[in-house]
């Protein structure tokens, strides 16, 4: 009789241990699958996103206006998470590399804002403050010190997903 009780306890421990190991294995597989799925979705978003510079002008020595086209299939937003980096020479020939933060208020020195978002030249009506596929957006940046005359300079724009575009500007 003692061997039957010990055998039942051993069988119960083996079943319990097997179930615990199976549960751990299934949890591990589920976590791995979820991670792979998220990576696939991120890669799909990156492949479907295309941001193209249309033009870059300087209405004054301290302002740069960059027009970007969303030529991809993904809508873009969260502009406060975007990066704008300006590489430029000032009036004394000093080379500057500046990261400019986004502002949705008054534009101050070394900041950038969205001047407008247009669809086919008209004001944006559908999903305001979102750059949908086919729309254009003007970024206005204010630089201090101002850009020097007769210089060629570079602006790089990067989205939170890692999509970048760059364009040259000259006064």
Protein backbone atom coordinates (compact mmCIF):
# COMPACT_ATOMS: atom_id res chain seq x y z
CA UNK A 1 0.00 0.00 0.00
CA UNK A 2 2.87 2.34 0.76
CA UNK A 3 4.26 1.89 -2.73
CA UNK A 4 0.89 2.78 -4.28
CA UNK A 5 0.75 6.10 -2.39
CA UNK A 6 4.37 6.91 -3.27
CA UNK A 7 3.69 5.95 -6.89
CA UNK A 8 0.61 8.19 -7.05
CA UNK A 9 2.56 11.11 -5.59
CA UNK A 10 5.39 10.54 -8.13
CA UNK A 11 2.92 10.34 -11.02
CA UNK A 12 1.22 13.56 -9.85
CA UNK A 13 4.59 15.32 -9.60
CA UNK A 14 5.56 14.14 -13.10
CA UNK A 15 2.24 15.32 -14.57
CA UNK A 16 2.44 18.65 -12.73
CA UNK A 17 6.09 19.16 -13.81
CA UNK A 18 5.26 18.29 -17.42
CA UNK A 19 2.36 20.71 -17.49
CA UNK A 20 4.50 23.47 -15.97
CA UNK A 21 7.24 22.91 -18.55
CA UNK A 22 4.68 22.88 -21.38
CA UNK A 23 3.15 26.15 -20.11
CA UNK A 24 6.61 27.78 -19.97
CA UNK A 25 7.38 26.59 -23.49
CA UNK A 26 4.06 27.91 -24.84
CA UNK A 27 4.60 31.28 -23.14
CA UNK A 28 8.07 31.52 -24.66
CA UNK A 29 6.78 30.68 -28.15
CA UNK A 30 3.95 33.21 -27.79
CA UNK A 31 6.35 35.99 -26.74
CA UNK A 32 8.70 35.21 -29.64
CA UNK A 33 5.84 35.19 -32.14
CA UNK A 34 4.53 38.53 -30.86
CA UNK A 35 8.00 40.09 -31.19
CA UNK A 36 8.40 38.81 -34.73
CA UNK A 37 4.95 40.11 -35.65
CA UNK A 38 5.79 43.58 -34.31
CA UNK A 39 9.05 43.60 -36.26
CA UNK A 40 7.17 42.65 -39.42
CA UNK A 41 4.65 45.44 -38.94
CA UNK A 42 7.43 47.97 -38.36
CA UNK A 43 9.29 46.79 -41.45
CA UNK A 44 6.10 47.02 -43.50
CA UNK A 45 5.57 50.60 -42.31
CA UNK A 46 9.15 51.50 -43.23
CA UNK A 47 8.81 49.99 -46.70
CA UNK A 48 5.55 51.86 -47.36
CA UNK A 49 6.85 55.26 -46.17
CA UNK A 50 8.49 57.69 -48.60
CA UNK A 51 9.20 61.32 -47.72
CA UNK A 52 10.61 63.37 -50.62
CA UNK A 53 11.97 66.92 -50.49
CA UNK A 54 10.17 69.13 -53.03
CA UNK A 55 12.01 72.41 -52.47
CA UNK A 56 14.05 74.36 -49.94
CA UNK A 57 14.19 78.16 -49.94
CA UNK A 58 15.39 80.94 -47.69
CA UNK A 59 13.05 83.93 -47.51
CA UNK A 60 15.55 85.57 -45.14
CA UNK A 61 19.00 84.81 -43.72
CA UNK A 62 17.58 83.33 -40.52
CA UNK A 63 14.64 81.37 -41.99
CA UNK A 64 14.57 78.17 -44.05
CA UNK A 65 11.43 76.79 -45.67
CA UNK A 66 11.39 73.15 -46.75
CA UNK A 67 8.50 71.60 -48.65
CA UNK A 68 8.17 67.83 -48.32
CA UNK A 69 5.96 65.42 -50.29
CA UNK A 70 4.50 62.30 -48.71
CA UNK A 71 4.96 59.98 -51.69
CA UNK A 72 4.48 56.83 -49.64
CA UNK A 73 1.39 54.94 -48.51
CA UNK A 74 1.65 55.76 -44.81
CA UNK A 75 0.24 58.81 -43.05
CA UNK A 76 2.71 60.67 -40.87
CA UNK A 77 2.06 62.60 -37.66
CA UNK A 78 3.60 63.10 -34.20
CA UNK A 79 5.67 66.01 -35.48
CA UNK A 80 6.97 66.73 -32.00
CA UNK A 81 8.90 63.44 -32.30
CA UNK A 82 10.47 64.35 -35.66
CA UNK A 83 14.04 65.59 -35.92
CA UNK A 84 15.33 68.48 -38.01
CA UNK A 85 19.09 68.87 -38.21
CA UNK A 86 20.60 71.85 -39.99
CA UNK A 87 24.20 71.84 -41.26
CA UNK A 88 25.12 75.37 -42.31
CA UNK A 89 27.72 78.13 -42.42
CA UNK A 90 27.06 81.48 -40.79
CA UNK A 91 28.24 84.91 -42.02
CA UNK A 92 31.72 84.45 -40.49
CA UNK A 93 32.26 81.08 -42.19
CA UNK A 94 31.75 79.07 -38.98
CA UNK A 95 30.18 75.66 -39.59
CA UNK A 96 27.16 74.80 -37.43
CA UNK A 97 25.31 71.53 -36.92
CA UNK A 98 22.11 72.12 -34.98
CA UNK A 99 19.28 69.87 -33.91
CA UNK A 100 16.11 71.96 -33.92
CA UNK A 101 13.13 71.06 -31.73
CA UNK A 102 9.55 71.25 -33.01
CA UNK A 103 7.24 73.98 -31.74
CA UNK A 104 3.53 74.41 -32.30
CA UNK A 105 3.55 77.89 -30.77
CA UNK A 106 5.55 80.98 -31.67
CA UNK A 107 8.64 80.18 -33.72
CA UNK A 108 11.81 81.15 -31.83
CA UNK A 109 15.51 80.85 -32.66
CA UNK A 110 16.69 77.34 -33.50
CA UNK A 111 13.19 75.83 -33.67
CA UNK A 112 10.97 74.57 -36.47
CA UNK A 113 7.24 74.54 -37.12
CA UNK A 114 4.76 73.33 -39.69
CA UNK A 115 3.72 76.32 -41.78
CA UNK A 116 1.03 74.39 -43.68
CA UNK A 117 -0.10 71.02 -45.01
CA UNK A 118 -1.74 71.06 -48.45
CA UNK A 119 -3.41 68.58 -50.75
CA UNK A 120 -3.18 69.49 -54.45
CA UNK A 121 -2.33 73.10 -53.57
CA UNK A 122 -5.37 73.61 -51.35
CA UNK A 123 -5.71 73.69 -47.61
CA UNK A 124 -5.89 70.39 -45.80
CA UNK A 125 -9.45 69.39 -44.89
CA UNK A 126 -9.22 65.68 -44.07
CA UNK A 127 -7.31 64.76 -40.91
CA UNK A 128 -5.78 68.12 -39.94
CA UNK A 129 -2.18 68.03 -38.71
CA UNK A 130 -1.56 64.66 -40.34
CA UNK A 131 0.59 64.34 -43.46
CA UNK A 132 -1.44 61.89 -45.51
CA UNK A 133 -0.19 60.20 -48.69
CA UNK A 134 -0.19 62.67 -51.58
CA UNK A 135 -0.03 65.77 -49.36
CA UNK A 136 2.71 68.38 -49.09
CA UNK A 137 3.98 70.00 -45.92
CA UNK A 138 6.05 73.14 -45.41
CA UNK A 139 8.54 73.13 -42.56
CA UNK A 140 9.73 76.57 -41.46
CA UNK A 141 12.89 76.76 -39.36
CA UNK A 142 14.51 79.77 -37.73
CA UNK A 143 18.30 79.62 -37.38
CA UNK A 144 20.54 81.63 -35.10
CA UNK A 145 23.18 82.66 -36.06
CA UNK A 146 21.76 83.38 -39.52
CA UNK A 147 22.97 81.54 -42.61
CA UNK A 148 25.88 83.16 -44.41
CA UNK A 149 25.64 84.50 -47.96
CA UNK A 150 26.89 82.37 -50.87
CA UNK A 151 26.92 79.12 -48.88
CA UNK A 152 25.46 75.71 -49.62
CA UNK A 153 23.86 74.10 -46.60
CA UNK A 154 22.02 70.91 -45.68
CA UNK A 155 18.79 70.13 -43.81
CA UNK A 156 17.96 66.58 -42.69
CA UNK A 157 14.45 65.60 -41.58
CA UNK A 158 13.85 62.29 -39.74
CA UNK A 159 10.57 60.70 -38.64
CA UNK A 160 10.19 58.62 -35.46
CA UNK A 161 10.17 55.43 -37.54
CA UNK A 162 13.61 56.26 -38.93
CA UNK A 163 12.66 57.53 -42.40
CA UNK A 164 14.95 60.41 -43.40
CA UNK A 165 15.17 62.86 -46.23
CA UNK A 166 17.66 65.62 -46.84
CA UNK A 167 17.84 68.67 -49.04
CA UNK A 168 20.27 71.49 -49.74
CA UNK A 169 19.45 75.13 -49.26
CA UNK A 170 21.26 78.36 -50.16
CA UNK A 171 20.52 82.01 -49.45
